[in-house]
């Protein structure tokens, strides 16, 4: 069973650490390095020769898109899952033209990342399985690169996917606790709305609620990762 070496190119430590943790939970992916800049990425690409890169676009010394174009012109193009905060169509078009396997927007929904990695495995399995390609094989490969398999249609009314993803990113760090009020201020939503999201996350076992008894007033509900 093939194991894919993955280079993470990301300057935000909390995000790169979570990428590493997440990849370590999947036995067919092996994180081999973390580059905090384009310069580090170039060196690591030369020596580590990864099959897959999780590539952030905005780095201290340039754009991930520039690295993509360098790899293409150099004839050494690993597969790329492209990650950026930019949602403008020109960035999307450039990344697609460069042949990225997938394109993820920050803040990342990690079930979306899991979907991308699982499709990547299926894509490679399909490449190896067929000696002679027909139209069905080609259609199957293109389907693995599509994002149609990712759905959050089952979210209840009043729970928005983007806001939910922001809250999940906040709780990536260990020992993070918030009340509905403190989370609302951090995310930019009302206390009532924050409580709705926190209770939803509790119902899905992503968070747990604990009671804190203060000196004055009623006990407060604190929410933390389960």
C-alpha atoms as a PDB file:
ATOM      1  CA  UNK A   1       0.000   0.000   0.000  1.00  0.00           C
ATOM      2  CA  UNK A   2       1.521   3.297  -1.132  1.00  0.00           C
ATOM      3  CA  UNK A   3       2.274   5.981   1.434  1.00  0.00           C
ATOM      4  CA  UNK A   4       2.392   9.543   0.125  1.00  0.00           C
ATOM      5  CA  UNK A   5       4.997  11.991   1.415  1.00  0.00           C
ATOM      6  CA  UNK A   6       3.421  15.399   2.024  1.00  0.00           C
ATOM      7  CA  UNK A   7       5.164  18.763   2.299  1.00  0.00           C
ATOM      8  CA  UNK A   8       3.222  21.454   4.191  1.00  0.00           C
ATOM      9  CA  UNK A   9       3.935  25.017   3.057  1.00  0.00           C
ATOM     10  CA  UNK A  10       2.288  27.281   5.636  1.00  0.00           C
ATOM     11  CA  UNK A  11       3.658  30.169   7.721  1.00  0.00           C
ATOM     12  CA  UNK A  12       0.922  30.111  10.396  1.00  0.00           C
ATOM     13  CA  UNK A  13       2.181  27.713  13.057  1.00  0.00           C
ATOM     14  CA  UNK A  14      -1.244  26.734  14.420  1.00  0.00           C
ATOM     15  CA  UNK A  15      -2.471  25.787  10.946  1.00  0.00           C
ATOM     16  CA  UNK A  16       0.666  23.864   9.938  1.00  0.00           C
ATOM     17  CA  UNK A  17       0.622  22.008  13.266  1.00  0.00           C
ATOM     18  CA  UNK A  18      -2.974  20.980  12.679  1.00  0.00           C
ATOM     19  CA  UNK A  19      -2.190  19.871   9.112  1.00  0.00           C
ATOM     20  CA  UNK A  20       0.594  17.708  10.541  1.00  0.00           C
ATOM     21  CA  UNK A  21      -1.632  16.271  13.254  1.00  0.00           C
ATOM     22  CA  UNK A  22      -4.414  15.572  10.785  1.00  0.00           C
ATOM     23  CA  UNK A  23      -2.128  13.842   8.269  1.00  0.00           C
ATOM     24  CA  UNK A  24      -0.669  11.681  11.025  1.00  0.00           C
ATOM     25  CA  UNK A  25      -4.166  10.286  11.628  1.00  0.00           C
ATOM     26  CA  UNK A  26      -4.313   8.973   8.048  1.00  0.00           C
ATOM     27  CA  UNK A  27      -1.983   5.984   7.564  1.00  0.00           C
ATOM     28  CA  UNK A  28      -1.392   6.580   3.845  1.00  0.00           C
ATOM     29  CA  UNK A  29      -0.057  10.125   4.292  1.00  0.00           C
ATOM     30  CA  UNK A  30       3.290  10.998   5.845  1.00  0.00           C
ATOM     31  CA  UNK A  31       4.111  14.657   6.598  1.00  0.00           C
ATOM     32  CA  UNK A  32       7.818  14.996   5.796  1.00  0.00           C
ATOM     33  CA  UNK A  33       8.379  18.694   6.412  1.00  0.00           C
ATOM     34  CA  UNK A  34       6.938  22.132   7.065  1.00  0.00           C
ATOM     35  CA  UNK A  35       8.139  25.147   5.076  1.00  0.00           C
ATOM     36  CA  UNK A  36       7.369  28.619   6.430  1.00  0.00           C
ATOM     37  CA  UNK A  37       8.386  30.476   3.262  1.00  0.00           C
ATOM     38  CA  UNK A  38       8.905  30.008  -0.472  1.00  0.00           C
ATOM     39  CA  UNK A  39      12.670  29.815   0.051  1.00  0.00           C
ATOM     40  CA  UNK A  40      12.288  26.957   2.539  1.00  0.00           C
ATOM     41  CA  UNK A  41       9.780  25.248   0.251  1.00  0.00           C
ATOM     42  CA  UNK A  42      12.198  25.324  -2.700  1.00  0.00           C
ATOM     43  CA  UNK A  43      14.936  23.669  -0.632  1.00  0.00           C
ATOM     44  CA  UNK A  44      12.612  21.045   0.828  1.00  0.00           C
ATOM     45  CA  UNK A  45      11.172  20.207  -2.585  1.00  0.00           C
ATOM     46  CA  UNK A  46      14.682  19.594  -3.869  1.00  0.00           C
ATOM     47  CA  UNK A  47      15.694  17.236  -1.065  1.00  0.00           C
ATOM     48  CA  UNK A  48      12.431  15.648   0.119  1.00  0.00           C
ATOM     49  CA  UNK A  49      10.728  15.180  -3.279  1.00  0.00           C
ATOM     50  CA  UNK A  50       7.174  14.880  -1.857  1.00  0.00           C
ATOM     51  CA  UNK A  51       4.308  13.461  -3.906  1.00  0.00           C
ATOM     52  CA  UNK A  52       1.818  15.993  -2.483  1.00  0.00           C
ATOM     53  CA  UNK A  53       2.036  19.578  -1.238  1.00  0.00           C
ATOM     54  CA  UNK A  54      -0.491  21.392   0.920  1.00  0.00           C
ATOM     55  CA  UNK A  55       0.397  24.887  -0.265  1.00  0.00           C
ATOM     56  CA  UNK A  56      -0.653  28.196   1.247  1.00  0.00           C
ATOM     57  CA  UNK A  57      -0.814  31.105  -1.183  1.00  0.00           C
ATOM     58  CA  UNK A  58       0.223  34.049   1.005  1.00  0.00           C
ATOM     59  CA  UNK A  59       3.724  33.566   2.431  1.00  0.00           C
ATOM     60  CA  UNK A  60       6.243  36.059   3.863  1.00  0.00           C
ATOM     61  CA  UNK A  61       8.392  36.111   0.709  1.00  0.00           C
ATOM     62  CA  UNK A  62       5.791  35.713  -2.027  1.00  0.00           C
ATOM     63  CA  UNK A  63       2.822  33.742  -3.300  1.00  0.00           C
ATOM     64  CA  UNK A  64       2.282  30.034  -3.513  1.00  0.00           C
ATOM     65  CA  UNK A  65       1.091  30.620  -7.078  1.00  0.00           C
ATOM     66  CA  UNK A  66       4.628  31.713  -7.960  1.00  0.00           C
ATOM     67  CA  UNK A  67       5.995  28.433  -6.616  1.00  0.00           C
ATOM     68  CA  UNK A  68       3.410  26.513  -8.648  1.00  0.00           C
ATOM     69  CA  UNK A  69       4.553  28.218 -11.847  1.00  0.00           C
ATOM     70  CA  UNK A  70       8.207  27.530 -11.008  1.00  0.00           C
ATOM     71  CA  UNK A  71       7.486  23.834 -10.523  1.00  0.00           C
ATOM     72  CA  UNK A  72       5.631  23.658 -13.827  1.00  0.00           C
ATOM     73  CA  UNK A  73       8.435  25.364 -15.762  1.00  0.00           C
ATOM     74  CA  UNK A  74      11.009  23.145 -14.050  1.00  0.00           C
ATOM     75  CA  UNK A  75       9.150  19.987 -15.062  1.00  0.00           C
ATOM     76  CA  UNK A  76       8.899  18.738 -11.474  1.00  0.00           C
ATOM     77  CA  UNK A  77       5.274  19.086 -10.450  1.00  0.00           C
ATOM     78  CA  UNK A  78       4.012  17.226  -7.370  1.00  0.00           C
ATOM     79  CA  UNK A  79       0.293  17.174  -6.769  1.00  0.00           C
ATOM     80  CA  UNK A  80      -0.971  20.234  -4.907  1.00  0.00           C
ATOM     81  CA  UNK A  81      -3.835  21.023  -2.575  1.00  0.00           C
ATOM     82  CA  UNK A  82      -3.899  24.805  -2.707  1.00  0.00           C
ATOM     83  CA  UNK A  83      -4.956  26.760   0.397  1.00  0.00           C
ATOM     84  CA  UNK A  84      -5.641  30.480   0.495  1.00  0.00           C
ATOM     85  CA  UNK A  85      -7.760  33.182   2.063  1.00  0.00           C
ATOM     86  CA  UNK A  86      -8.266  34.706  -1.372  1.00  0.00           C
ATOM     87  CA  UNK A  87     -11.646  33.991  -2.926  1.00  0.00           C
ATOM     88  CA  UNK A  88     -11.279  36.187  -6.014  1.00  0.00           C
ATOM     89  CA  UNK A  89     -11.919  34.401  -9.299  1.00  0.00           C
ATOM     90  CA  UNK A  90      -8.554  35.338 -10.801  1.00  0.00           C
ATOM     91  CA  UNK A  91      -6.726  33.437  -8.053  1.00  0.00           C
ATOM     92  CA  UNK A  92      -9.037  30.480  -8.612  1.00  0.00           C
ATOM     93  CA  UNK A  93      -8.443  30.571 -12.364  1.00  0.00           C
ATOM     94  CA  UNK A  94      -4.665  30.770 -11.960  1.00  0.00           C
ATOM     95  CA  UNK A  95      -4.581  27.868  -9.514  1.00  0.00           C
ATOM     96  CA  UNK A  96      -6.763  25.722 -11.782  1.00  0.00           C
ATOM     97  CA  UNK A  97      -4.636  26.581 -14.818  1.00  0.00           C
ATOM     98  CA  UNK A  98      -1.584  25.459 -12.853  1.00  0.00           C
ATOM     99  CA  UNK A  99      -3.185  22.051 -12.393  1.00  0.00           C
ATOM    100  CA  UNK A 100      -3.816  21.948  -8.633  1.00  0.00           C
ATOM    101  CA  UNK A 101      -5.684  18.864  -7.454  1.00  0.00           C
ATOM    102  CA  UNK A 102      -7.927  20.870  -5.153  1.00  0.00           C
ATOM    103  CA  UNK A 103      -8.492  24.409  -3.890  1.00  0.00           C
ATOM    104  CA  UNK A 104      -9.451  25.152  -0.261  1.00  0.00           C
ATOM    105  CA  UNK A 105     -10.404  28.482   1.262  1.00  0.00           C
ATOM    106  CA  UNK A 106      -9.425  29.596   4.750  1.00  0.00           C
ATOM    107  CA  UNK A 107     -10.721  29.123   7.344  1.00  0.00           C
ATOM    108  CA  UNK A 108     -10.452  25.478   6.369  1.00  0.00           C
ATOM    109  CA  UNK A 109     -13.265  23.084   7.115  1.00  0.00           C
ATOM    110  CA  UNK A 110     -11.311  20.006   8.090  1.00  0.00           C
ATOM    111  CA  UNK A 111     -13.990  17.583   6.952  1.00  0.00           C
ATOM    112  CA  UNK A 112     -13.518  19.316   3.569  1.00  0.00           C
ATOM    113  CA  UNK A 113      -9.762  18.644   3.777  1.00  0.00           C
ATOM    114  CA  UNK A 114     -10.476  15.017   4.663  1.00  0.00           C
ATOM    115  CA  UNK A 115     -12.740  14.761   1.631  1.00  0.00           C
ATOM    116  CA  UNK A 116      -9.939  16.137  -0.553  1.00  0.00           C
ATOM    117  CA  UNK A 117      -7.358  13.682   0.804  1.00  0.00           C
ATOM    118  CA  UNK A 118      -9.705  10.715   0.418  1.00  0.00           C
ATOM    119  CA  UNK A 119     -10.454  11.683  -3.183  1.00  0.00           C
ATOM    120  CA  UNK A 120      -6.716  12.015  -3.784  1.00  0.00           C
ATOM    121  CA  UNK A 121      -6.222   8.409  -2.664  1.00  0.00           C
ATOM    122  CA  UNK A 122      -9.048   7.197  -4.898  1.00  0.00           C
ATOM    123  CA  UNK A 123      -7.613   9.201  -7.799  1.00  0.00           C
ATOM    124  CA  UNK A 124      -4.210   7.541  -7.433  1.00  0.00           C
ATOM    125  CA  UNK A 125      -5.726   4.083  -6.938  1.00  0.00           C
ATOM    126  CA  UNK A 126      -7.698   4.514 -10.143  1.00  0.00           C
ATOM    127  CA  UNK A 127      -4.579   5.625 -12.031  1.00  0.00           C
ATOM    128  CA  UNK A 128      -2.760   2.465 -10.974  1.00  0.00           C
ATOM    129  CA  UNK A 129      -5.662   0.086 -11.531  1.00  0.00           C
ATOM    130  CA  UNK A 130      -6.248   0.641 -15.246  1.00  0.00           C
ATOM    131  CA  UNK A 131      -3.742  -0.314 -17.935  1.00  0.00           C
ATOM    132  CA  UNK A 132      -5.955   0.870 -20.786  1.00  0.00           C
ATOM    133  CA  UNK A 133      -8.146   3.892 -20.182  1.00  0.00           C
ATOM    134  CA  UNK A 134     -11.587   4.245 -21.659  1.00  0.00           C
ATOM    135  CA  UNK A 135     -14.092   7.070 -21.286  1.00  0.00           C
ATOM    136  CA  UNK A 136     -15.448   5.627 -18.052  1.00  0.00           C
ATOM    137  CA  UNK A 137     -11.994   5.701 -16.467  1.00  0.00           C
ATOM    138  CA  UNK A 138     -11.429   9.281 -17.579  1.00  0.00           C
ATOM    139  CA  UNK A 139     -14.817  10.362 -16.231  1.00  0.00           C
ATOM    140  CA  UNK A 140     -14.054   8.625 -12.931  1.00  0.00           C
ATOM    141  CA  UNK A 141     -10.721  10.438 -12.583  1.00  0.00           C
ATOM    142  CA  UNK A 142     -12.337  13.795 -13.267  1.00  0.00           C
ATOM    143  CA  UNK A 143     -15.022  13.002 -10.705  1.00  0.00           C
ATOM    144  CA  UNK A 144     -12.374  12.368  -8.038  1.00  0.00           C
ATOM    145  CA  UNK A 145     -11.059  15.873  -8.684  1.00  0.00           C
ATOM    146  CA  UNK A 146     -14.519  17.425  -8.469  1.00  0.00           C
ATOM    147  CA  UNK A 147     -15.856  18.767  -5.200  1.00  0.00           C
ATOM    148  CA  UNK A 148     -19.332  17.327  -5.701  1.00  0.00           C
ATOM    149  CA  UNK A 149     -18.813  14.721  -2.995  1.00  0.00           C
ATOM    150  CA  UNK A 150     -18.531  17.348  -0.268  1.00  0.00           C
ATOM    151  CA  UNK A 151     -21.856  18.420   1.229  1.00  0.00           C
ATOM    152  CA  UNK A 152     -23.030  20.112   4.377  1.00  0.00           C
ATOM    153  CA  UNK A 153     -26.656  20.076   3.323  1.00  0.00           C
ATOM    154  CA  UNK A 154     -27.612  18.464   6.609  1.00  0.00           C
ATOM    155  CA  UNK A 155     -26.825  21.526   8.714  1.00  0.00           C
ATOM    156  CA  UNK A 156     -29.891  22.613  10.688  1.00  0.00           C
ATOM    157  CA  UNK A 157     -31.649  25.894  10.068  1.00  0.00           C
ATOM    158  CA  UNK A 158     -29.747  28.822  11.583  1.00  0.00           C
ATOM    159  CA  UNK A 159     -26.305  27.152  11.304  1.00  0.00           C
ATOM    160  CA  UNK A 160     -24.182  28.667   8.543  1.00  0.00           C
ATOM    161  CA  UNK A 161     -21.253  26.630   7.170  1.00  0.00           C
ATOM    162  CA  UNK A 162     -18.762  29.540   7.096  1.00  0.00           C
ATOM    163  CA  UNK A 163     -19.509  30.659  10.670  1.00  0.00           C
ATOM    164  CA  UNK A 164     -19.329  27.057  11.871  1.00  0.00           C
ATOM    165  CA  UNK A 165     -15.922  26.647  10.217  1.00  0.00           C
ATOM    166  CA  UNK A 166     -14.634  29.810  11.928  1.00  0.00           C
ATOM    167  CA  UNK A 167     -15.678  28.435  15.306  1.00  0.00           C
ATOM    168  CA  UNK A 168     -13.996  25.094  14.614  1.00  0.00           C
ATOM    169  CA  UNK A 169     -10.762  26.871  13.727  1.00  0.00           C
ATOM    170  CA  UNK A 170     -10.882  28.781  17.031  1.00  0.00           C
ATOM    171  CA  UNK A 171     -11.152  25.469  18.883  1.00  0.00           C
ATOM    172  CA  UNK A 172      -8.175  23.893  17.085  1.00  0.00           C
ATOM    173  CA  UNK A 173      -5.879  24.862  19.949  1.00  0.00           C
ATOM    174  CA  UNK A 174      -5.864  22.744  23.093  1.00  0.00           C
ATOM    175  CA  UNK A 175      -7.442  24.054  26.302  1.00  0.00           C
ATOM    176  CA  UNK A 176      -9.508  26.747  24.547  1.00  0.00           C
ATOM    177  CA  UNK A 177     -12.681  27.614  26.458  1.00  0.00           C
ATOM    178  CA  UNK A 178     -15.329  30.199  25.663  1.00  0.00           C
ATOM    179  CA  UNK A 179     -18.659  31.377  26.918  1.00  0.00           C
ATOM    180  CA  UNK A 180     -21.302  32.346  24.393  1.00  0.00           C
ATOM    181  CA  UNK A 181     -20.469  35.982  25.111  1.00  0.00           C
ATOM    182  CA  UNK A 182     -16.701  35.697  24.631  1.00  0.00           C
ATOM    183  CA  UNK A 183     -17.059  33.616  21.471  1.00  0.00           C
ATOM    184  CA  UNK A 184     -19.608  36.038  20.044  1.00  0.00           C
ATOM    185  CA  UNK A 185     -17.188  38.949  20.478  1.00  0.00           C
ATOM    186  CA  UNK A 186     -14.362  36.974  18.877  1.00  0.00           C
ATOM    187  CA  UNK A 187     -16.351  35.830  15.836  1.00  0.00           C
ATOM    188  CA  UNK A 188     -18.411  39.021  15.491  1.00  0.00           C
ATOM    189  CA  UNK A 189     -21.834  37.535  16.171  1.00  0.00           C
ATOM    190  CA  UNK A 190     -24.403  38.079  18.901  1.00  0.00           C
ATOM    191  CA  UNK A 191     -24.311  36.169  22.188  1.00  0.00           C
ATOM    192  CA  UNK A 192     -27.577  34.420  21.256  1.00  0.00           C
ATOM    193  CA  UNK A 193     -26.205  33.334  17.890  1.00  0.00           C
ATOM    194  CA  UNK A 194     -22.950  32.162  19.456  1.00  0.00           C
ATOM    195  CA  UNK A 195     -24.888  30.064  21.954  1.00  0.00           C
ATOM    196  CA  UNK A 196     -26.814  28.433  19.106  1.00  0.00           C
ATOM    197  CA  UNK A 197     -23.573  27.394  17.401  1.00  0.00           C
ATOM    198  CA  UNK A 198     -22.005  26.226  20.662  1.00  0.00           C
ATOM    199  CA  UNK A 199     -25.007  24.083  21.490  1.00  0.00           C
ATOM    200  CA  UNK A 200     -24.954  22.628  17.979  1.00  0.00           C
ATOM    201  CA  UNK A 201     -21.259  21.763  18.359  1.00  0.00           C
ATOM    202  CA  UNK A 202     -22.077  20.157  21.697  1.00  0.00           C
ATOM    203  CA  UNK A 203     -24.851  18.078  20.128  1.00  0.00           C
ATOM    204  CA  UNK A 204     -22.397  16.748  17.505  1.00  0.00           C
ATOM    205  CA  UNK A 205     -19.802  15.921  20.227  1.00  0.00           C
ATOM    206  CA  UNK A 206     -17.275  18.416  18.840  1.00  0.00           C
ATOM    207  CA  UNK A 207     -17.513  20.429  22.085  1.00  0.00           C
ATOM    208  CA  UNK A 208     -18.653  19.805  25.626  1.00  0.00           C
ATOM    209  CA  UNK A 209     -20.245  22.229  28.048  1.00  0.00           C
ATOM    210  CA  UNK A 210     -19.020  22.632  31.621  1.00  0.00           C
ATOM    211  CA  UNK A 211     -20.508  24.720  34.382  1.00  0.00           C
ATOM    212  CA  UNK A 212     -18.373  27.400  36.022  1.00  0.00           C
ATOM    213  CA  UNK A 213     -19.603  28.727  39.351  1.00  0.00           C
ATOM    214  CA  UNK A 214     -18.558  32.337  39.832  1.00  0.00           C
ATOM    215  CA  UNK A 215     -18.593  34.417  42.968  1.00  0.00           C
ATOM    216  CA  UNK A 216     -21.447  36.623  41.781  1.00  0.00           C
ATOM    217  CA  UNK A 217     -24.494  35.816  39.675  1.00  0.00           C
ATOM    218  CA  UNK A 218     -25.617  32.643  37.974  1.00  0.00           C
ATOM    219  CA  UNK A 219     -23.243  29.843  36.922  1.00  0.00           C
ATOM    220  CA  UNK A 220     -21.809  30.206  33.395  1.00  0.00           C
ATOM    221  CA  UNK A 221     -21.619  27.577  30.683  1.00  0.00           C
ATOM    222  CA  UNK A 222     -18.108  27.191  29.287  1.00  0.00           C
ATOM    223  CA  UNK A 223     -17.497  25.278  26.086  1.00  0.00           C
ATOM    224  CA  UNK A 224     -14.329  23.334  25.252  1.00  0.00           C
ATOM    225  CA  UNK A 225     -13.158  20.594  22.875  1.00  0.00           C
ATOM    226  CA  UNK A 226     -14.389  17.189  23.886  1.00  0.00           C
END
